[in-house]
Amino acid sequence: MVCLALLTLVGCRDRSTVQDKQDKVCSSVADLDGSATQIAAAQPDAGGVARIKVLRLEMQAQYKRLQDAAKDAQAIRIDPITQAYNKVLSSTNGINDPTALAQAQPRINEAVGGFSDARTQLNQSAGC
């Protein structure tokens, strides 16, 4: 009887640990998506340019957390997220003034849309 109780407890703990790892991945992807959405909403003015620079740094830290979480939750593939993340960062390269931001907005919007699509796919496959 004691063995059965211990096995049940360990089994529940293992499932909980797996779910916790998946939840960290899901949370990290949600954070990245939130930052990407904010990048897409940046206005073509000096404040928008500054905001994009801050958001890029935030996304880099968020992506690092996602990589760490994905190492723990090995069943979750983040390759599409990685590709979409790289496209978002690439779409914002060289934005140093409001004119450059205005010109980049279609490219940014496309990249952020791709990120949202990748997040939706991950949410479906990982059960987020």
Foldseek 3Di string as FASTA:
>chain_A
DVVVVVVVVVVVVVVVQLVVLLVQLLVLLVQLLVLLVLLLVQALAQVSLVSVVVSLVVNVVSVVSNVVSCVVNVVQDCVQLVVLNVQLVVLSPPPDHSVSSVVSNVSSVVSSVSNVVSSVVSCVVSVD
